[in-house]
Amino acid sequence: MGIVNIEEDLHDQLRRASKVGCRSINAQAAFWIKIGMLCETNPTLSFNEIVERELRAAGVSPQPLAVVRHDEAA
């Protein structure tokens, strides 16, 4: 494991994003790095397709959300 020097602004964005994703700053950086590498090596896939592929590889089966129409919700 090593130390990576990044700009202060990027570190601030990492800190903010880590709160949204409930991750540590290091885990958020690792997530961004992994997704970035996967995007570069799979340029024809969308972000959502890459995440879905990674979830399935980890044994997670994402369930589709049910769509509720506003006129049926009442």
PDB file of N, CA and C in Angstrom:
ATOM      1  N   MET A   1       0.856  -1.170   0.000  1.00  0.00           N
ATOM      2  CA  MET A   1       0.000   0.000   0.000  1.00  0.00           C
ATOM      3  C   MET A   1       0.898   1.227   0.000  1.00  0.00           C
ATOM      4  N   GLY A   2       0.512   2.227  -0.726  1.00  0.00           N
ATOM      5  CA  GLY A   2       1.318   3.436  -0.817  1.00  0.00           C
ATOM      6  C   GLY A   2       0.502   4.683  -0.582  1.00  0.00           C
ATOM      7  N   ILE A   3       1.177   5.784  -0.691  1.00  0.00           N
ATOM      8  CA  ILE A   3       0.538   7.087  -0.526  1.00  0.00           C
ATOM      9  C   ILE A   3       0.423   7.727  -1.893  1.00  0.00           C
ATOM     10  N   VAL A   4      -0.724   8.307  -2.160  1.00  0.00           N
ATOM     11  CA  VAL A   4      -0.967   8.996  -3.423  1.00  0.00           C
ATOM     12  C   VAL A   4      -1.166  10.473  -3.117  1.00  0.00           C
ATOM     13  N   ASN A   5      -0.405  11.316  -3.787  1.00  0.00           N
ATOM     14  CA  ASN A   5      -0.562  12.759  -3.627  1.00  0.00           C
ATOM     15  C   ASN A   5      -1.583  13.261  -4.642  1.00  0.00           C
ATOM     16  N   ILE A   6      -2.615  13.931  -4.140  1.00  0.00           N
ATOM     17  CA  ILE A   6      -3.633  14.501  -5.013  1.00  0.00           C
ATOM     18  C   ILE A   6      -3.844  15.963  -4.635  1.00  0.00           C
ATOM     19  N   GLU A   7      -4.429  16.690  -5.568  1.00  0.00           N
ATOM     20  CA  GLU A   7      -4.694  18.106  -5.327  1.00  0.00           C
ATOM     21  C   GLU A   7      -5.687  18.280  -4.186  1.00  0.00           C
ATOM     22  N   GLU A   8      -5.578  19.381  -3.496  1.00  0.00           N
ATOM     23  CA  GLU A   8      -6.442  19.663  -2.353  1.00  0.00           C
ATOM     24  C   GLU A   8      -7.920  19.681  -2.743  1.00  0.00           C
ATOM     25  N   ASP A   9      -8.231  20.241  -3.924  1.00  0.00           N
ATOM     26  CA  ASP A   9      -9.627  20.303  -4.379  1.00  0.00           C
ATOM     27  C   ASP A   9     -10.194  18.901  -4.596  1.00  0.00           C
ATOM     28  N   LEU A  10      -9.402  18.010  -5.192  1.00  0.00           N
ATOM     29  CA  LEU A  10      -9.855  16.639  -5.406  1.00  0.00           C
ATOM     30  C   LEU A  10     -10.040  15.926  -4.066  1.00  0.00           C
ATOM     31  N   HIS A  11      -9.147  16.167  -3.125  1.00  0.00           N
ATOM     32  CA  HIS A  11      -9.289  15.569  -1.798  1.00  0.00           C
ATOM     33  C   HIS A  11     -10.578  16.059  -1.129  1.00  0.00           C
ATOM     34  N   ASP A  12     -10.890  17.329  -1.291  1.00  0.00           N
ATOM     35  CA  ASP A  12     -12.123  17.878  -0.725  1.00  0.00           C
ATOM     36  C   ASP A  12     -13.342  17.209  -1.357  1.00  0.00           C
ATOM     37  N   GLN A  13     -13.294  17.006  -2.670  1.00  0.00           N
ATOM     38  CA  GLN A  13     -14.408  16.333  -3.341  1.00  0.00           C
ATOM     39  C   GLN A  13     -14.520  14.878  -2.891  1.00  0.00           C
ATOM     40  N   LEU A  14     -13.375  14.224  -2.682  1.00  0.00           N
ATOM     41  CA  LEU A  14     -13.380  12.857  -2.157  1.00  0.00           C
ATOM     42  C   LEU A  14     -14.049  12.802  -0.790  1.00  0.00           C
ATOM     43  N   ARG A  15     -13.685  13.751   0.069  1.00  0.00           N
ATOM     44  CA  ARG A  15     -14.247  13.799   1.410  1.00  0.00           C
ATOM     45  C   ARG A  15     -15.759  13.974   1.346  1.00  0.00           C
ATOM     46  N   ARG A  16     -16.220  14.869   0.488  1.00  0.00           N
ATOM     47  CA  ARG A  16     -17.663  15.104   0.363  1.00  0.00           C
ATOM     48  C   ARG A  16     -18.386  13.890  -0.216  1.00  0.00           C
ATOM     49  N   ALA A  17     -17.815  13.298  -1.260  1.00  0.00           N
ATOM     50  CA  ALA A  17     -18.433  12.129  -1.895  1.00  0.00           C
ATOM     51  C   ALA A  17     -18.447  10.934  -0.955  1.00  0.00           C
ATOM     52  N   SER A  18     -17.444  10.819  -0.102  1.00  0.00           N
ATOM     53  CA  SER A  18     -17.387   9.684   0.824  1.00  0.00           C
ATOM     54  C   SER A  18     -18.551   9.722   1.812  1.00  0.00           C
ATOM     55  N   LYS A  19     -18.991  10.911   2.177  1.00  0.00           N
ATOM     56  CA  LYS A  19     -20.141  11.032   3.078  1.00  0.00           C
ATOM     57  C   LYS A  19     -21.420  10.571   2.394  1.00  0.00           C
ATOM     58  N   VAL A  20     -21.577  10.917   1.130  1.00  0.00           N
ATOM     59  CA  VAL A  20     -22.771  10.528   0.381  1.00  0.00           C
ATOM     60  C   VAL A  20     -22.812   9.013   0.205  1.00  0.00           C
ATOM     61  N   GLY A  21     -21.666   8.422  -0.112  1.00  0.00           N
ATOM     62  CA  GLY A  21     -21.602   6.979  -0.340  1.00  0.00           C
ATOM     63  C   GLY A  21     -21.371   6.157   0.911  1.00  0.00           C
ATOM     64  N   CYS A  22     -21.343   6.809   2.076  1.00  0.00           N
ATOM     65  CA  CYS A  22     -21.094   6.114   3.353  1.00  0.00           C
ATOM     66  C   CYS A  22     -19.812   5.296   3.289  1.00  0.00           C
ATOM     67  N   ARG A  23     -18.767   5.896   2.727  1.00  0.00           N
ATOM     68  CA  ARG A  23     -17.471   5.245   2.616  1.00  0.00           C
ATOM     69  C   ARG A  23     -16.429   6.104   3.314  1.00  0.00           C
ATOM     70  N   SER A  24     -15.310   5.480   3.654  1.00  0.00           N
ATOM     71  CA  SER A  24     -14.176   6.266   4.131  1.00  0.00           C
ATOM     72  C   SER A  24     -13.597   7.012   2.927  1.00  0.00           C
ATOM     73  N   ILE A  25     -12.764   7.989   3.177  1.00  0.00           N
ATOM     74  CA  ILE A  25     -12.134   8.722   2.075  1.00  0.00           C
ATOM     75  C   ILE A  25     -11.302   7.765   1.230  1.00  0.00           C
ATOM     76  N   ASN A  26     -10.562   6.869   1.876  1.00  0.00           N
ATOM     77  CA  ASN A  26      -9.750   5.902   1.124  1.00  0.00           C
ATOM     78  C   ASN A  26     -10.626   4.958   0.298  1.00  0.00           C
ATOM     79  N   ALA A  27     -11.732   4.503   0.867  1.00  0.00           N
ATOM     80  CA  ALA A  27     -12.627   3.616   0.132  1.00  0.00           C
ATOM     81  C   ALA A  27     -13.259   4.339  -1.057  1.00  0.00           C
ATOM     82  N   GLN A  28     -13.580   5.630  -0.896  1.00  0.00           N
ATOM     83  CA  GLN A  28     -14.141   6.398  -2.003  1.00  0.00           C
ATOM     84  C   GLN A  28     -13.109   6.550  -3.116  1.00  0.00           C
ATOM     85  N   ALA A  29     -11.871   6.842  -2.742  1.00  0.00           N
ATOM     86  CA  ALA A  29     -10.804   6.962  -3.744  1.00  0.00           C
ATOM     87  C   ALA A  29     -10.613   5.638  -4.474  1.00  0.00           C
ATOM     88  N   ALA A  30     -10.606   4.533  -3.737  1.00  0.00           N
ATOM     89  CA  ALA A  30     -10.447   3.216  -4.355  1.00  0.00           C
ATOM     90  C   ALA A  30     -11.607   2.919  -5.308  1.00  0.00           C
ATOM     91  N   PHE A  31     -12.823   3.306  -4.919  1.00  0.00           N
ATOM     92  CA  PHE A  31     -13.992   3.105  -5.775  1.00  0.00           C
ATOM     93  C   PHE A  31     -13.842   3.885  -7.077  1.00  0.00           C
ATOM     94  N   TRP A  32     -13.489   5.165  -6.960  1.00  0.00           N
ATOM     95  CA  TRP A  32     -13.312   5.982  -8.159  1.00  0.00           C
ATOM     96  C   TRP A  32     -12.204   5.432  -9.052  1.00  0.00           C
ATOM     97  N   ILE A  33     -11.119   4.977  -8.454  1.00  0.00           N
ATOM     98  CA  ILE A  33     -10.009   4.421  -9.236  1.00  0.00           C
ATOM     99  C   ILE A  33     -10.458   3.158  -9.963  1.00  0.00           C
ATOM    100  N   LYS A  34     -11.128   2.254  -9.241  1.00  0.00           N
ATOM    101  CA  LYS A  34     -11.572   1.003  -9.856  1.00  0.00           C
ATOM    102  C   LYS A  34     -12.559   1.269 -10.986  1.00  0.00           C
ATOM    103  N   ILE A  35     -13.552   2.124 -10.735  1.00  0.00           N
ATOM    104  CA  ILE A  35     -14.540   2.431 -11.776  1.00  0.00           C
ATOM    105  C   ILE A  35     -13.861   3.107 -12.967  1.00  0.00           C
ATOM    106  N   GLY A  36     -12.941   4.016 -12.701  1.00  0.00           N
ATOM    107  CA  GLY A  36     -12.214   4.676 -13.786  1.00  0.00           C
ATOM    108  C   GLY A  36     -11.438   3.692 -14.637  1.00  0.00           C
ATOM    109  N   MET A  37     -10.760   2.744 -13.995  1.00  0.00           N
ATOM    110  CA  MET A  37     -10.020   1.718 -14.737  1.00  0.00           C
ATOM    111  C   MET A  37     -10.967   0.859 -15.570  1.00  0.00           C
ATOM    112  N   LEU A  38     -12.101   0.470 -14.973  1.00  0.00           N
ATOM    113  CA  LEU A  38     -13.071  -0.339 -15.707  1.00  0.00           C
ATOM    114  C   LEU A  38     -13.668   0.427 -16.886  1.00  0.00           C
ATOM    115  N   CYS A  39     -13.904   1.727 -16.705  1.00  0.00           N
ATOM    116  CA  CYS A  39     -14.431   2.552 -17.805  1.00  0.00           C
ATOM    117  C   CYS A  39     -13.415   2.663 -18.942  1.00  0.00           C
ATOM    118  N   GLU A  40     -12.151   2.837 -18.588  1.00  0.00           N
ATOM    119  CA  GLU A  40     -11.123   2.947 -19.628  1.00  0.00           C
ATOM    120  C   GLU A  40     -10.926   1.640 -20.386  1.00  0.00           C
ATOM    121  N   THR A  41     -11.044   0.507 -19.688  1.00  0.00           N
ATOM    122  CA  THR A  41     -10.818  -0.775 -20.351  1.00  0.00           C
ATOM    123  C   THR A  41     -12.083  -1.344 -20.993  1.00  0.00           C
ATOM    124  N   ASN A  42     -13.218  -0.718 -20.735  1.00  0.00           N
ATOM    125  CA  ASN A  42     -14.501  -1.136 -21.320  1.00  0.00           C
ATOM    126  C   ASN A  42     -15.246   0.089 -21.835  1.00  0.00           C
ATOM    127  N   PRO A  43     -14.698   0.786 -22.829  1.00  0.00           N
ATOM    128  CA  PRO A  43     -15.275   2.069 -23.253  1.00  0.00           C
ATOM    129  C   PRO A  43     -16.663   1.969 -23.877  1.00  0.00           C
ATOM    130  N   THR A  44     -17.099   0.782 -24.254  1.00  0.00           N
ATOM    131  CA  THR A  44     -18.429   0.660 -24.857  1.00  0.00           C
ATOM    132  C   THR A  44     -19.524   0.445 -23.823  1.00  0.00           C
ATOM    133  N   LEU A  45     -19.138   0.228 -22.546  1.00  0.00           N
ATOM    134  CA  LEU A  45     -20.132   0.023 -21.498  1.00  0.00           C
ATOM    135  C   LEU A  45     -20.424   1.321 -20.768  1.00  0.00           C
ATOM    136  N   SER A  46     -21.673   1.486 -20.337  1.00  0.00           N
ATOM    137  CA  SER A  46     -22.037   2.653 -19.538  1.00  0.00           C
ATOM    138  C   SER A  46     -21.618   2.412 -18.088  1.00  0.00           C
ATOM    139  N   PHE A  47     -21.630   3.472 -17.300  1.00  0.00           N
ATOM    140  CA  PHE A  47     -21.337   3.351 -15.873  1.00  0.00           C
ATOM    141  C   PHE A  47     -22.272   2.337 -15.227  1.00  0.00           C
ATOM    142  N   ASN A  48     -23.568   2.439 -15.528  1.00  0.00           N
ATOM    143  CA  ASN A  48     -24.549   1.519 -14.936  1.00  0.00           C
ATOM    144  C   ASN A  48     -24.284   0.075 -15.337  1.00  0.00           C
ATOM    145  N   GLU A  49     -23.895  -0.147 -16.585  1.00  0.00           N
ATOM    146  CA  GLU A  49     -23.585  -1.508 -17.024  1.00  0.00           C
ATOM    147  C   GLU A  49     -22.358  -2.058 -16.300  1.00  0.00           C
ATOM    148  N   ILE A  50     -21.376  -1.213 -16.092  1.00  0.00           N
ATOM    149  CA  ILE A  50     -20.169  -1.637 -15.376  1.00  0.00           C
ATOM    150  C   ILE A  50     -20.494  -1.980 -13.932  1.00  0.00           C
ATOM    151  N   VAL A  51     -21.268  -1.137 -13.268  1.00  0.00           N
ATOM    152  CA  VAL A  51     -21.632  -1.401 -11.871  1.00  0.00           C
ATOM    153  C   VAL A  51     -22.470  -2.673 -11.778  1.00  0.00           C
ATOM    154  N   GLU A  52     -23.412  -2.844 -12.681  1.00  0.00           N
ATOM    155  CA  GLU A  52     -24.238  -4.055 -12.672  1.00  0.00           C
ATOM    156  C   GLU A  52     -23.371  -5.290 -12.876  1.00  0.00           C
ATOM    157  N   ARG A  53     -22.428  -5.225 -13.799  1.00  0.00           N
ATOM    158  CA  ARG A  53     -21.517  -6.354 -14.049  1.00  0.00           C
ATOM    159  C   ARG A  53     -20.705  -6.692 -12.809  1.00  0.00           C
ATOM    160  N   GLU A  54     -20.191  -5.663 -12.135  1.00  0.00           N
ATOM    161  CA  GLU A  54     -19.392  -5.879 -10.927  1.00  0.00           C
ATOM    162  C   GLU A  54     -20.241  -6.452  -9.783  1.00  0.00           C
ATOM    163  N   LEU A  55     -21.477  -5.971  -9.646  1.00  0.00           N
ATOM    164  CA  LEU A  55     -22.367  -6.514  -8.625  1.00  0.00           C
ATOM    165  C   LEU A  55     -22.650  -7.989  -8.883  1.00  0.00           C
ATOM    166  N   ARG A  56     -22.941  -8.322 -10.115  1.00  0.00           N
ATOM    167  CA  ARG A  56     -23.212  -9.726 -10.453  1.00  0.00           C
ATOM    168  C   ARG A  56     -21.977 -10.586 -10.202  1.00  0.00           C
ATOM    169  N   ALA A  57     -20.792 -10.087 -10.529  1.00  0.00           N
ATOM    170  CA  ALA A  57     -19.550 -10.837 -10.290  1.00  0.00           C
ATOM    171  C   ALA A  57     -19.330 -11.078  -8.795  1.00  0.00           C
ATOM    172  N   ALA A  58     -19.854 -10.169  -7.967  1.00  0.00           N
ATOM    173  CA  ALA A  58     -19.736 -10.311  -6.517  1.00  0.00           C
ATOM    174  C   ALA A  58     -20.875 -11.146  -5.931  1.00  0.00           C
ATOM    175  N   GLY A  59     -21.773 -11.637  -6.793  1.00  0.00           N
ATOM    176  CA  GLY A  59     -22.866 -12.474  -6.327  1.00  0.00           C
ATOM    177  C   GLY A  59     -24.102 -11.718  -5.900  1.00  0.00           C
ATOM    178  N   VAL A  60     -24.180 -10.437  -6.254  1.00  0.00           N
ATOM    179  CA  VAL A  60     -25.345  -9.625  -5.913  1.00  0.00           C
ATOM    180  C   VAL A  60     -26.271  -9.590  -7.126  1.00  0.00           C
ATOM    181  N   SER A  61     -27.552  -9.868  -6.896  1.00  0.00           N
ATOM    182  CA  SER A  61     -28.534  -9.828  -7.975  1.00  0.00           C
ATOM    183  C   SER A  61     -29.426  -8.611  -7.785  1.00  0.00           C
ATOM    184  N   PRO A  62     -29.140  -7.525  -8.511  1.00  0.00           N
ATOM    185  CA  PRO A  62     -29.969  -6.326  -8.374  1.00  0.00           C
ATOM    186  C   PRO A  62     -31.398  -6.623  -8.810  1.00  0.00           C
ATOM    187  N   GLN A  63     -32.348  -6.182  -8.009  1.00  0.00           N
ATOM    188  CA  GLN A  63     -33.754  -6.369  -8.326  1.00  0.00           C
ATOM    189  C   GLN A  63     -34.284  -5.111  -9.006  1.00  0.00           C
ATOM    190  N   PRO A  64     -35.036  -5.270 -10.082  1.00  0.00           N
ATOM    191  CA  PRO A  64     -35.609  -4.086 -10.736  1.00  0.00           C
ATOM    192  C   PRO A  64     -36.625  -3.417  -9.822  1.00  0.00           C
ATOM    193  N   LEU A  65     -36.673  -2.114  -9.887  1.00  0.00           N
ATOM    194  CA  LEU A  65     -37.628  -1.347  -9.103  1.00  0.00           C
ATOM    195  C   LEU A  65     -38.984  -1.361  -9.783  1.00  0.00           C
ATOM    196  N   ALA A  66     -40.033  -1.425  -8.983  1.00  0.00           N
ATOM    197  CA  ALA A  66     -41.378  -1.336  -9.533  1.00  0.00           C
ATOM    198  C   ALA A  66     -41.673   0.119  -9.845  1.00  0.00           C
ATOM    199  N   VAL A  67     -42.244   0.366 -10.988  1.00  0.00           N
ATOM    200  CA  VAL A  67     -42.587   1.717 -11.395  1.00  0.00           C
ATOM    201  C   VAL A  67     -44.023   1.997 -10.988  1.00  0.00           C
ATOM    202  N   VAL A  68     -44.241   3.049 -10.249  1.00  0.00           N
ATOM    203  CA  VAL A  68     -45.583   3.437  -9.818  1.00  0.00           C
ATOM    204  C   VAL A  68     -45.973   4.681 -10.591  1.00  0.00           C
ATOM    205  N   ARG A  69     -47.072   4.601 -11.298  1.00  0.00           N
ATOM    206  CA  ARG A  69     -47.566   5.769 -12.024  1.00  0.00           C
ATOM    207  C   ARG A  69     -48.281   6.667 -11.041  1.00  0.00           C
ATOM    208  N   HIS A  70     -48.148   7.959 -11.239  1.00  0.00           N
ATOM    209  CA  HIS A  70     -48.752   8.927 -10.320  1.00  0.00           C
ATOM    210  C   HIS A  70     -50.265   8.807 -10.260  1.00  0.00           C
ATOM    211  N   ASP A  71     -50.902   8.492 -11.367  1.00  0.00           N
ATOM    212  CA  ASP A  71     -52.359   8.385 -11.354  1.00  0.00           C
ATOM    213  C   ASP A  71     -52.831   7.112 -10.641  1.00  0.00           C
ATOM    214  N   GLU A  72     -51.953   6.132 -10.444  1.00  0.00           N
ATOM    215  CA  GLU A  72     -52.315   4.905  -9.736  1.00  0.00           C
ATOM    216  C   GLU A  72     -51.978   4.991  -8.255  1.00  0.00           C
ATOM    217  N   ALA A  73     -51.127   5.930  -7.863  1.00  0.00           N
ATOM    218  CA  ALA A  73     -50.661   6.020  -6.490  1.00  0.00           C
ATOM    219  C   ALA A  73     -51.739   6.517  -5.538  1.00  0.00           C
ATOM    220  N   ALA A  74     -52.714   7.228  -6.023  1.00  0.00           N
ATOM    221  CA  ALA A  74     -53.738   7.826  -5.138  1.00  0.00           C
ATOM    222  C   ALA A  74     -54.813   6.861  -4.761  1.00  0.00           C
TER     223      ALA A  74
END
